[in-house]
Amino acid sequence: MAFESLSERLGKAFKNITGKGKLSEKNMNDMLREVRMSLLEADVNYGVVKDFIARVKEQALGTEVMTSLNPGQMVVKIVHDEIVALLGSEDAPLNYKSSGITTVMMVGLQGTGKTTASAKIANVMKKKQSRKPLLVACDVIRPAAIEQLKTLGESIGVEVFSLGVETKALETAKQAMDYAKENGYDTVLFDTAGRLHIDEELMQELSDIKAFVHPDDILLTVDAMTGQDIVNVAGSFHEQLEVTGLVLTKLDGDSRGGGILSVRSITQVPVKFVGLGEKIDDLDVFHPDRMADRILGMGDIMSLVEQAQDKMDIEASTKSANRMMSGQFTLTDMLVQFQQLEKMGSLGGMMKLIPGMNQLAGQIDEAKAGNKMKKSTAIIQSMTMEERENPNILRASRKNRIAKGSGTTVADVNRLLNEYEKMKQVMKQMGAMTKSGKMPNMGGMGAMGAMKNMRSMNKMMRQENEENDNKAYTALFLLKGRRS
């Protein structure tokens, strides 16, 4: 994941000043030197780093910080705020028209994931923003791009307009606008052609389309793996087309991420979306403050809550949570939790969004955790409803049958039952806390309430390694289904 090494190094740099009762110019300079090297190694532009460090130092050496009760924390806040400023102080939403058809041009070089990003954005528009989008296949250079867009459009239930490779891109765009007006579409996304590099022919074609459709947004897709070259590509497109926003793809890769910190500062083009995976739902609206939290290892609880709302069955989660808080926790409830967590994706990825659990996330063996969850799911599904509701009736013969039916061993069945008993105790304790008023009710708990309980969850998660996976499931359940 991008920024992992940067987050680790910044964390080490802050350890030198946090917890100290007094700051000196020497330890401040030592910390800033480490921050400077961290940013440069992450591929952040040298000029951007130089200005960044100067601003941080000017604020950090001020009287207010040096004499504060927690000067180290004040410095971390200054760095956080300056990173937010680099990324863009405010969110940059799409420029929707108040009436009429909103038009969006998708541009970029080949290999940056432009066609996939077009479909992902259309999916966001449809599911989260109540729009009726039409995708237009204007990449007539690559026949495969048209077929790819049609396949993606079908998978999300969004129509794709195409006249094939024999019709010029501009003519396709013209007829697409007429089609959108006739069929009641309020948003049109044009997936335009890319090249291996910027050339005059490409820019002329894009300029012609722009002149006709008068786009409300021109979104440039850039590959997070390209490092500082993001700045050069964005600058070239912006100079000729006046790009209004960036779509960062492959942010889940092993890029160092520095180009992202440089591009807004140099080009003044805001990031609007970030791609975090290959699935059609793996696209997020970009929030500068949340990204700064992730870079500094502070987690991103709001994004985790939003993911839960989007991917989980909220009604099933709330119903199950209310049962648990009332003291009813069966193997059926445990199965529901496994199925809901599986929808959320990577366990380690989720834990990175929880404040204080970033380091623990790296200790989890994703393959092992995934296999364990699948095995546990198979075991519970091999039980009868009576056995799920009352596991005390499970004797040797029943366990043998369940093991054979799930392709596991009796030892695996016993291990699951032991984990169930431990989770049952945790849920019983949480229920008692809720009734006594020491913990907000699960059904209506918001993101702020979840954050108040992070300290107790962190303590629970620090137990012996062999119990980490199971306790992670329990802790993460406490976040699911909550509305921000």
Protein backbone atom coordinates (compact mmCIF):
# COMPACT_ATOMS: atom_id res chain seq x y z
CA MET A 1 0.00 0.00 0.00
CA ALA A 2 1.24 3.49 -0.85
CA PHE A 3 2.67 5.54 2.04
CA GLU A 4 3.46 2.53 4.25
CA SER A 5 7.20 3.21 4.41
CA LEU A 6 6.56 6.96 4.74
CA SER A 7 4.14 6.37 7.63
CA GLU A 8 6.66 4.14 9.40
CA ARG A 9 9.51 6.64 9.07
CA LEU A 10 7.41 9.61 10.14
CA GLY A 11 6.28 7.63 13.17
CA LYS A 12 9.90 7.05 14.17
CA ALA A 13 10.70 10.72 13.65
CA PHE A 14 7.88 11.81 15.97
CA LYS A 15 8.99 9.42 18.71
CA ASN A 16 12.00 11.67 19.26
CA ILE A 17 9.84 14.59 20.35
CA THR A 18 6.53 13.20 21.64
CA GLY A 19 6.45 12.60 25.35
CA LYS A 20 9.15 15.18 26.04
CA GLY A 21 8.24 17.95 28.43
CA LYS A 22 10.31 20.50 26.59
CA LEU A 23 11.40 21.08 23.02
CA SER A 24 14.76 22.47 21.99
CA GLU A 25 15.92 23.72 18.65
CA LYS A 26 18.29 20.73 18.49
CA ASN A 27 15.72 17.95 18.90
CA MET A 28 13.36 19.88 16.66
CA ASN A 29 15.99 20.05 13.90
CA ASP A 30 16.75 16.35 14.34
CA MET A 31 13.07 15.53 13.88
CA LEU A 32 12.70 17.84 10.87
CA ARG A 33 15.80 16.30 9.27
CA GLU A 34 14.19 12.85 9.58
CA VAL A 35 10.90 14.15 8.17
CA ARG A 36 12.77 15.74 5.25
CA MET A 37 14.54 12.46 4.41
CA SER A 38 11.28 10.54 4.77
CA LEU A 39 9.52 12.77 2.27
CA LEU A 40 12.39 12.76 -0.23
CA GLU A 41 12.66 8.96 -0.11
CA ALA A 42 8.91 8.77 -0.68
CA ASP A 43 9.45 10.58 -4.01
CA VAL A 44 8.07 13.96 -2.99
CA ASN A 45 9.33 16.81 -5.16
CA TYR A 46 12.43 18.50 -3.66
CA GLY A 47 10.99 22.02 -3.90
CA VAL A 48 7.78 20.90 -2.23
CA VAL A 49 9.75 19.27 0.62
CA LYS A 50 11.88 22.38 1.12
CA ASP A 51 8.85 24.67 1.44
CA PHE A 52 7.03 22.13 3.62
CA ILE A 53 9.88 21.86 6.13
CA ALA A 54 10.28 25.64 6.25
CA ARG A 55 6.60 26.14 7.11
CA VAL A 56 6.63 23.43 9.76
CA LYS A 57 9.80 24.78 11.36
CA GLU A 58 8.49 28.33 11.44
CA GLN A 59 5.34 27.24 13.28
CA ALA A 60 7.00 24.62 15.48
CA LEU A 61 9.61 27.02 16.88
CA GLY A 62 6.95 29.55 17.80
CA THR A 63 6.45 30.54 21.43
CA GLU A 64 2.97 28.96 21.61
CA VAL A 65 4.34 25.52 20.72
CA MET A 66 7.56 25.65 22.72
CA THR A 67 5.74 26.58 25.94
CA SER A 68 2.69 24.33 25.52
CA LEU A 69 2.01 21.42 27.89
CA ASN A 70 2.38 18.87 25.06
CA PRO A 71 4.78 20.44 22.56
CA GLY A 72 5.43 17.13 20.80
CA GLN A 73 1.73 16.66 20.06
CA MET A 74 1.52 20.24 18.85
CA VAL A 75 4.31 19.56 16.34
CA VAL A 76 2.55 16.42 15.08
CA LYS A 77 -0.61 18.50 14.58
CA ILE A 78 1.37 21.12 12.65
CA VAL A 79 2.82 18.42 10.36
CA HIS A 80 -0.65 16.92 9.92
CA ASP A 81 -2.17 20.28 8.98
CA GLU A 82 0.63 21.00 6.51
CA ILE A 83 0.14 17.61 4.83
CA VAL A 84 -3.57 18.41 4.51
CA ALA A 85 -2.61 21.74 2.93
CA LEU A 86 -0.37 19.90 0.42
CA LEU A 87 -3.17 17.51 -0.51
CA GLY A 88 -5.77 20.29 -0.69
CA SER A 89 -7.41 21.80 2.37
CA GLU A 90 -10.93 20.92 1.24
CA ASP A 91 -12.66 18.12 -0.63
CA ALA A 92 -13.07 18.73 -4.37
CA PRO A 93 -16.47 17.34 -5.43
CA LEU A 94 -17.61 16.96 -9.01
CA ASN A 95 -19.05 20.08 -10.62
CA TYR A 96 -22.64 18.98 -11.17
CA LYS A 97 -24.96 21.36 -13.05
CA SER A 98 -27.99 22.53 -11.10
CA SER A 99 -30.06 21.72 -14.20
CA GLY A 100 -29.41 20.06 -17.53
CA ILE A 101 -26.82 17.42 -18.40
CA THR A 102 -23.49 17.37 -16.56
CA THR A 103 -20.62 16.28 -18.81
CA VAL A 104 -17.35 14.72 -17.62
CA MET A 105 -14.34 13.96 -19.82
CA MET A 106 -11.99 11.19 -18.71
CA VAL A 107 -8.47 11.67 -20.07
CA GLY A 108 -5.09 10.10 -19.49
CA LEU A 109 -2.25 8.02 -20.89
CA GLN A 110 -2.61 4.35 -21.76
CA GLY A 111 -2.13 1.95 -18.89
CA THR A 112 -3.33 4.28 -16.16
CA GLY A 113 -6.70 2.53 -15.73
CA LYS A 114 -8.78 5.25 -17.38
CA THR A 115 -11.53 3.01 -18.76
CA THR A 116 -11.93 1.13 -15.48
CA ALA A 117 -11.91 4.41 -13.57
CA SER A 118 -14.68 5.74 -15.83
CA ALA A 119 -16.92 2.82 -14.89
CA LYS A 120 -16.01 3.11 -11.22
CA ILE A 121 -16.94 6.78 -11.15
CA ALA A 122 -20.23 6.04 -12.94
CA ASN A 123 -20.87 3.43 -10.24
CA VAL A 124 -20.26 6.02 -7.50
CA MET A 125 -22.56 8.49 -9.26
CA LYS A 126 -25.34 5.95 -9.52
CA LYS A 127 -25.08 4.33 -6.07
CA LYS A 128 -24.00 7.18 -3.82
CA GLN A 129 -24.98 10.39 -5.60
CA SER A 130 -28.38 9.44 -7.09
CA ARG A 131 -27.34 10.30 -10.65
CA LYS A 132 -28.37 8.66 -13.91
CA PRO A 133 -25.05 8.38 -15.80
CA LEU A 134 -24.37 7.39 -19.40
CA LEU A 135 -20.93 6.08 -20.34
CA VAL A 136 -19.68 6.99 -23.82
CA ALA A 137 -16.97 4.94 -25.54
CA CYS A 138 -14.85 7.59 -27.29
CA ASP A 139 -11.67 5.51 -27.32
CA VAL A 140 -11.97 4.41 -30.95
CA ILE A 141 -8.25 3.64 -31.19
CA ARG A 142 -8.49 0.46 -29.12
CA PRO A 143 -11.44 -1.84 -29.91
CA ALA A 144 -10.74 -3.67 -26.65
CA ALA A 145 -11.42 -0.48 -24.71
CA ILE A 146 -14.97 -0.32 -26.09
CA GLU A 147 -15.66 -3.95 -25.19
CA GLN A 148 -14.12 -3.45 -21.75
CA LEU A 149 -16.33 -0.43 -21.08
CA LYS A 150 -19.44 -2.34 -22.21
CA THR A 151 -18.61 -5.24 -19.89
CA LEU A 152 -18.01 -2.91 -16.96
CA GLY A 153 -21.16 -0.92 -17.70
CA GLU A 154 -23.25 -4.08 -17.76
CA SER A 155 -21.83 -5.18 -14.40
CA ILE A 156 -22.98 -1.96 -12.69
CA GLY A 157 -26.21 -1.46 -14.63
CA VAL A 158 -25.04 1.65 -16.51
CA GLU A 159 -25.67 1.96 -20.26
CA VAL A 160 -22.70 2.41 -22.59
CA PHE A 161 -23.14 4.42 -25.81
CA SER A 162 -20.87 3.42 -28.71
CA LEU A 163 -20.79 3.76 -32.49
CA GLY A 164 -17.81 1.44 -32.88
CA VAL A 165 -14.27 2.06 -34.05
CA GLU A 166 -15.31 3.14 -37.54
CA THR A 167 -16.86 6.39 -36.27
CA LYS A 168 -14.65 9.25 -35.13
CA ALA A 169 -14.57 10.09 -31.44
CA LEU A 170 -16.05 13.57 -31.95
CA GLU A 171 -19.04 12.22 -33.89
CA THR A 172 -19.61 9.61 -31.19
CA ALA A 173 -19.61 12.37 -28.59
CA LYS A 174 -22.11 14.46 -30.59
CA GLN A 175 -24.57 11.62 -31.07
CA ALA A 176 -24.14 10.55 -27.43
CA MET A 177 -25.29 13.97 -26.23
CA ASP A 178 -28.41 13.75 -28.41
CA TYR A 179 -29.07 10.25 -27.06
CA ALA A 180 -28.66 11.43 -23.46
CA LYS A 181 -31.17 14.25 -23.95
CA GLU A 182 -33.72 11.93 -25.56
CA ASN A 183 -33.43 9.30 -22.81
CA GLY A 184 -33.34 11.43 -19.68
CA TYR A 185 -29.72 11.04 -18.59
CA ASP A 186 -28.42 13.75 -16.26
CA THR A 187 -24.70 12.89 -16.46
CA VAL A 188 -22.52 11.81 -19.38
CA LEU A 189 -18.98 10.43 -18.96
CA PHE A 190 -16.74 10.34 -22.03
CA ASP A 191 -14.02 7.68 -21.94
CA THR A 192 -11.53 9.18 -24.38
CA ALA A 193 -8.51 7.63 -26.09
CA GLY A 194 -5.11 7.49 -24.44
CA ARG A 195 -1.60 7.21 -25.84
CA LEU A 196 1.67 5.83 -24.59
CA HIS A 197 2.80 9.44 -24.40
CA ILE A 198 1.33 12.90 -24.96
CA ASP A 199 1.28 13.84 -28.66
CA GLU A 200 -0.29 16.50 -30.87
CA GLU A 201 -2.86 14.16 -32.44
CA LEU A 202 -4.17 13.08 -29.03
CA MET A 203 -4.45 16.61 -27.73
CA GLN A 204 -6.24 17.81 -30.85
CA GLU A 205 -8.84 15.06 -30.55
CA LEU A 206 -9.39 15.88 -26.87
CA SER A 207 -9.58 19.60 -27.62
CA ASP A 208 -12.23 19.00 -30.30
CA ILE A 209 -14.38 16.96 -27.91
CA LYS A 210 -13.93 19.58 -25.20
CA ALA A 211 -14.99 22.38 -27.54
CA PHE A 212 -18.22 20.56 -28.38
CA VAL A 213 -19.36 19.11 -25.02
CA HIS A 214 -18.09 21.96 -22.79
CA PRO A 215 -17.31 19.54 -19.93
CA ASP A 216 -18.10 20.51 -16.37
CA ASP A 217 -15.15 18.36 -15.29
CA ILE A 218 -12.06 17.06 -17.05
CA LEU A 219 -10.65 14.24 -14.94
CA LEU A 220 -7.12 13.02 -15.57
CA THR A 221 -6.29 9.47 -14.47
CA VAL A 222 -2.75 9.07 -13.20
CA ASP A 223 -1.01 5.93 -12.01
CA ALA A 224 0.24 6.25 -8.42
CA MET A 225 3.12 3.93 -9.39
CA THR A 226 4.67 6.56 -11.68
CA GLY A 227 6.11 8.62 -8.81
CA GLN A 228 7.16 12.18 -9.55
CA ASP A 229 6.23 11.79 -13.22
CA ILE A 230 2.63 12.32 -12.07
CA VAL A 231 3.52 16.01 -11.81
CA ASN A 232 4.86 16.16 -15.38
CA VAL A 233 1.86 14.33 -16.88
CA ALA A 234 -0.65 16.40 -14.92
CA GLY A 235 1.14 19.62 -15.84
CA SER A 236 1.11 18.81 -19.58
CA PHE A 237 -2.57 17.85 -19.69
CA HIS A 238 -3.55 20.79 -17.49
CA GLU A 239 -1.70 23.27 -19.69
CA GLN A 240 -3.59 22.22 -22.81
CA LEU A 241 -6.97 21.11 -21.45
CA GLU A 242 -7.40 22.88 -18.10
CA VAL A 243 -7.88 19.69 -16.11
CA THR A 244 -10.24 20.13 -13.13
CA GLY A 245 -9.35 17.03 -11.14
CA LEU A 246 -7.20 13.93 -10.81
CA VAL A 247 -8.17 10.30 -10.39
CA LEU A 248 -5.34 8.39 -8.70
CA THR A 249 -5.31 4.71 -9.63
CA LYS A 250 -3.38 1.76 -8.13
CA LEU A 251 -3.00 3.41 -4.74
CA ASP A 252 -3.17 -0.09 -3.28
CA GLY A 253 0.16 -0.95 -4.96
CA ASP A 254 3.64 -0.60 -3.53
CA SER A 255 4.23 2.94 -4.77
CA ARG A 256 5.99 5.34 -2.43
CA GLY A 257 3.17 7.84 -2.92
CA GLY A 258 5.25 11.02 -3.00
CA GLY A 259 3.90 12.15 -6.35
CA ILE A 260 0.48 12.53 -4.74
CA LEU A 261 1.90 14.97 -2.19
CA SER A 262 3.59 16.97 -4.94
CA VAL A 263 0.98 17.23 -7.66
CA ARG A 264 -1.56 19.48 -5.92
CA SER A 265 1.10 21.89 -4.71
CA ILE A 266 2.73 22.25 -8.14
CA THR A 267 -0.21 22.06 -10.56
CA GLN A 268 -3.03 23.27 -8.27
CA VAL A 269 -5.17 20.45 -9.70
CA PRO A 270 -7.09 18.71 -6.88
CA VAL A 271 -7.37 14.94 -6.43
CA LYS A 272 -11.06 13.95 -6.64
CA PHE A 273 -10.99 10.14 -6.56
CA VAL A 274 -8.56 7.40 -5.51
CA GLY A 275 -8.58 3.80 -6.73
CA LEU A 276 -7.78 1.28 -4.00
CA GLY A 277 -8.15 -2.02 -5.84
CA GLU A 278 -9.32 -3.81 -8.96
CA LYS A 279 -12.96 -4.38 -7.97
CA ILE A 280 -15.62 -2.04 -9.32
CA ASP A 281 -16.38 -0.75 -5.81
CA ASP A 282 -12.72 -0.04 -5.01
CA LEU A 283 -12.90 3.69 -5.63
CA ASP A 284 -13.19 6.36 -2.95
CA VAL A 285 -13.96 10.05 -3.03
CA PHE A 286 -10.71 11.74 -1.98
CA HIS A 287 -10.63 13.43 1.43
CA PRO A 288 -7.34 15.29 2.13
CA ASP A 289 -7.72 15.22 5.92
CA ARG A 290 -8.39 11.48 5.97
CA MET A 291 -5.39 10.77 3.75
CA ALA A 292 -3.22 12.86 6.09
CA ASP A 293 -4.48 10.75 9.00
CA ARG A 294 -3.47 7.57 7.17
CA ILE A 295 -0.04 8.92 6.27
CA LEU A 296 0.63 9.75 9.93
CA GLY A 297 -0.64 6.36 11.11
CA MET A 298 -3.73 7.84 12.79
CA GLY A 299 -6.18 5.55 11.03
CA ASP A 300 -9.32 6.62 9.17
CA ILE A 301 -12.37 5.70 11.19
CA MET A 302 -14.80 7.65 9.01
CA SER A 303 -13.80 5.73 5.87
CA LEU A 304 -14.15 2.45 7.77
CA VAL A 305 -17.68 3.37 8.88
CA GLU A 306 -18.59 4.39 5.32
CA GLN A 307 -17.25 1.10 3.97
CA ALA A 308 -19.37 -0.76 6.49
CA GLN A 309 -22.46 1.18 5.44
CA ASP A 310 -21.79 0.53 1.75
CA LYS A 311 -20.79 -3.13 1.84
CA MET A 312 -22.63 -4.63 4.78
CA ASP A 313 -26.23 -5.52 5.38
CA ILE A 314 -26.99 -2.80 7.94
CA GLU A 315 -30.35 -4.30 8.91
CA ALA A 316 -28.82 -7.74 9.56
CA SER A 317 -25.90 -6.20 11.46
CA THR A 318 -28.17 -4.08 13.67
CA LYS A 319 -30.45 -7.01 14.41
CA SER A 320 -27.50 -9.24 15.28
CA ALA A 321 -25.89 -6.49 17.39
CA ASN A 322 -29.06 -5.96 19.40
CA ARG A 323 -29.31 -9.71 20.07
CA MET A 324 -25.73 -9.82 21.28
CA MET A 325 -26.09 -6.80 23.54
CA SER A 326 -29.11 -8.46 25.14
CA GLY A 327 -27.00 -11.50 25.98
CA GLN A 328 -27.98 -13.69 23.01
CA PHE A 329 -24.93 -14.76 21.03
CA THR A 330 -25.22 -17.98 19.06
CA LEU A 331 -23.13 -19.65 16.38
CA THR A 332 -25.64 -18.27 13.86
CA ASP A 333 -24.70 -14.76 15.01
CA MET A 334 -21.05 -15.67 14.73
CA LEU A 335 -21.64 -16.86 11.16
CA VAL A 336 -23.35 -13.56 10.31
CA GLN A 337 -20.30 -11.66 11.58
CA PHE A 338 -17.90 -13.75 9.49
CA GLN A 339 -20.02 -13.23 6.37
CA GLN A 340 -20.27 -9.48 6.97
CA LEU A 341 -16.54 -9.09 7.64
CA GLU A 342 -15.76 -11.00 4.46
CA LYS A 343 -17.70 -8.39 2.49
CA MET A 344 -15.43 -5.69 3.93
CA GLY A 345 -12.35 -7.26 2.32
CA SER A 346 -8.85 -7.46 3.77
CA LEU A 347 -8.74 -7.74 7.56
CA GLY A 348 -5.36 -6.02 7.66
CA GLY A 349 -6.66 -3.26 5.40
CA MET A 350 -9.57 -2.61 7.75
CA MET A 351 -7.34 -2.54 10.81
CA LYS A 352 -5.11 0.09 9.21
CA LEU A 353 -8.12 2.39 9.32
CA ILE A 354 -8.54 1.91 13.08
CA PRO A 355 -6.53 4.39 15.19
CA GLY A 356 -3.75 2.65 17.09
CA MET A 357 -3.96 -0.64 15.20
CA ASN A 358 -1.79 0.19 12.20
CA GLN A 359 1.22 -1.74 13.51
CA LEU A 360 -0.87 -4.75 14.53
CA ALA A 361 -2.32 -4.90 11.01
CA GLY A 362 1.14 -5.71 9.65
CA GLN A 363 1.41 -8.69 11.99
CA ILE A 364 -1.64 -10.41 10.57
CA ASP A 365 -1.10 -13.18 8.05
CA GLU A 366 -3.82 -12.28 5.52
CA ALA A 367 -3.84 -15.71 3.87
CA LYS A 368 -4.00 -17.50 7.22
CA ALA A 369 -6.74 -15.21 8.51
CA GLY A 370 -8.77 -15.66 5.32
CA ASN A 371 -8.44 -19.44 5.39
CA LYS A 372 -9.39 -19.52 9.06
CA MET A 373 -12.53 -17.50 8.41
CA LYS A 374 -13.53 -19.76 5.50
CA LYS A 375 -12.91 -22.85 7.59
CA SER A 376 -14.96 -21.46 10.49
CA THR A 377 -17.78 -20.53 8.11
CA ALA A 378 -17.82 -24.05 6.63
CA ILE A 379 -17.95 -25.63 10.08
CA ILE A 380 -20.93 -23.55 11.23
CA GLN A 381 -22.75 -24.13 7.93
CA SER A 382 -22.36 -27.89 8.44
CA MET A 383 -24.32 -27.69 11.70
CA THR A 384 -28.06 -27.99 12.10
CA MET A 385 -30.00 -24.96 13.32
CA GLU A 386 -30.46 -26.67 16.68
CA GLU A 387 -26.70 -27.14 17.02
CA ARG A 388 -25.99 -23.53 16.11
CA GLU A 389 -28.48 -22.24 18.67
CA ASN A 390 -27.37 -24.63 21.41
CA PRO A 391 -23.78 -25.86 20.89
CA ASN A 392 -23.82 -27.57 24.31
CA ILE A 393 -25.50 -30.57 22.67
CA LEU A 394 -22.45 -31.21 20.47
CA ARG A 395 -20.95 -34.56 21.42
CA ALA A 396 -18.30 -36.68 19.69
CA SER A 397 -20.63 -38.17 17.06
CA ARG A 398 -22.03 -34.78 16.08
CA LYS A 399 -18.56 -33.24 15.92
CA ASN A 400 -17.37 -36.07 13.66
CA ARG A 401 -20.30 -35.47 11.31
CA ILE A 402 -19.67 -31.70 11.25
CA ALA A 403 -15.95 -32.18 10.59
CA LYS A 404 -16.64 -34.53 7.67
CA GLY A 405 -19.30 -32.24 6.24
CA SER A 406 -17.03 -29.19 6.36
CA GLY A 407 -13.84 -30.92 5.20
CA THR A 408 -12.11 -30.16 8.50
CA THR A 409 -11.06 -32.08 11.61
CA VAL A 410 -12.64 -32.54 15.02
CA ALA A 411 -9.78 -30.45 16.40
CA ASP A 412 -10.85 -27.60 14.11
CA VAL A 413 -14.43 -27.90 15.36
CA ASN A 414 -13.27 -27.82 18.99
CA ARG A 415 -11.08 -24.79 18.26
CA LEU A 416 -14.03 -22.92 16.76
CA LEU A 417 -16.20 -23.76 19.77
CA ASN A 418 -13.51 -22.44 22.12
CA GLU A 419 -13.28 -19.20 20.13
CA TYR A 420 -17.05 -18.94 20.19
CA GLU A 421 -17.07 -19.18 23.99
CA LYS A 422 -14.45 -16.42 24.23
CA MET A 423 -16.38 -14.13 21.86
CA LYS A 424 -19.56 -14.90 23.80
CA GLN A 425 -17.90 -13.70 27.00
CA VAL A 426 -16.72 -10.51 25.30
CA MET A 427 -20.22 -9.81 23.99
CA LYS A 428 -21.66 -10.50 27.43
CA GLN A 429 -19.30 -7.96 28.97
CA MET A 430 -20.12 -5.39 26.27
CA GLY A 431 -23.82 -5.95 26.88
CA ALA A 432 -23.37 -5.38 30.61
CA MET A 433 -21.45 -2.15 29.90
CA THR A 434 -24.25 -0.95 27.62
CA LYS A 435 -26.93 -1.63 30.23
CA SER A 436 -24.92 0.13 32.94
CA GLY A 437 -24.49 3.19 30.73
CA LYS A 438 -20.71 2.86 30.47
CA MET A 439 -20.89 2.24 26.73
CA PRO A 440 -23.25 3.71 24.08
CA ASN A 441 -25.92 1.40 22.70
CA MET A 442 -24.67 -0.62 19.71
CA GLY A 443 -27.65 0.06 17.49
CA GLY A 444 -27.15 3.82 17.26
CA MET A 445 -23.46 4.19 17.89
CA GLY A 446 -21.76 6.66 15.56
CA ALA A 447 -18.17 7.12 14.50
CA MET A 448 -17.34 9.31 17.51
CA GLY A 449 -18.69 6.69 19.86
CA ALA A 450 -16.61 4.05 18.13
CA MET A 451 -13.49 6.18 18.55
CA LYS A 452 -14.10 6.48 22.32
CA ASN A 453 -13.85 2.71 22.61
CA MET A 454 -10.63 2.37 20.63
CA ARG A 455 -8.48 2.34 23.75
CA SER A 456 -10.26 -0.69 25.24
CA MET A 457 -10.21 -2.42 21.84
CA ASN A 458 -6.48 -1.80 21.48
CA LYS A 459 -5.87 -3.42 24.87
CA MET A 460 -7.92 -6.41 23.85
CA MET A 461 -6.01 -6.71 20.58
CA ARG A 462 -2.59 -6.83 22.26
CA GLN A 463 -3.08 -10.37 23.63
CA GLU A 464 -1.08 -13.43 22.56
CA ASN A 465 -0.49 -13.85 18.83
CA GLU A 466 -2.50 -17.06 18.42
CA GLU A 467 -5.66 -15.19 19.47
CA ASN A 468 -5.08 -12.07 17.36
CA ASP A 469 -7.24 -13.09 14.40
CA ASN A 470 -10.27 -14.04 16.49
CA LYS A 471 -10.05 -10.91 18.62
CA ALA A 472 -9.65 -8.80 15.52
CA TYR A 473 -12.99 -10.11 14.26
CA THR A 474 -14.59 -9.19 17.59
CA ALA A 475 -13.11 -5.69 17.67
CA LEU A 476 -14.02 -4.97 14.07
CA PHE A 477 -17.58 -6.14 14.69
CA LEU A 478 -17.96 -3.27 17.13
CA LEU A 479 -17.54 -0.88 14.20
CA LYS A 480 -19.87 -2.55 11.71
CA GLY A 481 -23.21 -1.17 10.83
CA ARG A 482 -22.74 2.06 12.75
CA ARG A 483 -23.94 5.24 11.12
CA SER A 484 -21.69 8.27 11.12
